[in-house]
Amino acid sequence: MIEHEMGNWKDFIEAMLRK
């Protein structure tokens, strides 16, 4: 996995949790 992708994954999870 690429570090950049991991950052996007974290942002995606945070967005879902906020919803």
N, C-alpha and C. Protein backbone atom coordinates (compact mmCIF):
# COMPACT_ATOMS: atom_id res chain seq x y z
N MET A 1 0.85 -1.22 0.00
CA MET A 1 0.00 0.00 0.00
C MET A 1 0.88 1.26 0.00
N ILE A 2 0.38 2.29 -0.62
CA ILE A 2 1.17 3.53 -0.66
C ILE A 2 0.77 4.44 0.51
N GLU A 3 1.73 5.13 1.04
CA GLU A 3 1.41 6.03 2.18
C GLU A 3 0.29 6.99 1.80
N HIS A 4 0.34 7.49 0.59
CA HIS A 4 -0.70 8.45 0.16
C HIS A 4 -2.07 7.76 0.21
N GLU A 5 -2.12 6.51 -0.24
CA GLU A 5 -3.42 5.80 -0.21
C GLU A 5 -3.88 5.62 1.23
N MET A 6 -2.96 5.32 2.11
CA MET A 6 -3.33 5.13 3.53
C MET A 6 -3.95 6.41 4.06
N GLY A 7 -3.39 7.55 3.69
CA GLY A 7 -3.94 8.84 4.16
C GLY A 7 -5.37 8.99 3.65
N ASN A 8 -5.58 8.65 2.40
CA ASN A 8 -6.94 8.77 1.84
C ASN A 8 -7.89 7.84 2.58
N TRP A 9 -7.41 6.63 2.89
CA TRP A 9 -8.25 5.65 3.59
C TRP A 9 -8.66 6.22 4.95
N LYS A 10 -7.71 6.81 5.65
CA LYS A 10 -8.02 7.38 6.98
C LYS A 10 -9.07 8.48 6.83
N ASP A 11 -8.89 9.33 5.85
CA ASP A 11 -9.85 10.43 5.64
C ASP A 11 -11.23 9.84 5.33
N PHE A 12 -11.24 8.77 4.53
CA PHE A 12 -12.52 8.15 4.16
C PHE A 12 -13.21 7.58 5.40
N ILE A 13 -12.44 6.92 6.25
CA ILE A 13 -13.03 6.35 7.48
C ILE A 13 -13.54 7.47 8.37
N GLU A 14 -12.76 8.50 8.53
CA GLU A 14 -13.20 9.62 9.40
C GLU A 14 -14.50 10.21 8.86
N ALA A 15 -14.59 10.37 7.56
CA ALA A 15 -15.81 10.96 6.97
C ALA A 15 -17.01 10.05 7.28
N MET A 16 -16.83 8.74 7.15
CA MET A 16 -17.94 7.82 7.42
C MET A 16 -18.33 7.88 8.90
N LEU A 17 -17.34 7.92 9.77
CA LEU A 17 -17.64 7.95 11.22
C LEU A 17 -18.38 9.25 11.56
N ARG A 18 -18.00 10.35 10.91
CA ARG A 18 -18.67 11.63 11.22
C ARG A 18 -20.12 11.57 10.77
N LYS A 19 -20.38 10.84 9.68
CA LYS A 19 -21.76 10.75 9.17
C LYS A 19 -22.55 9.90 10.14
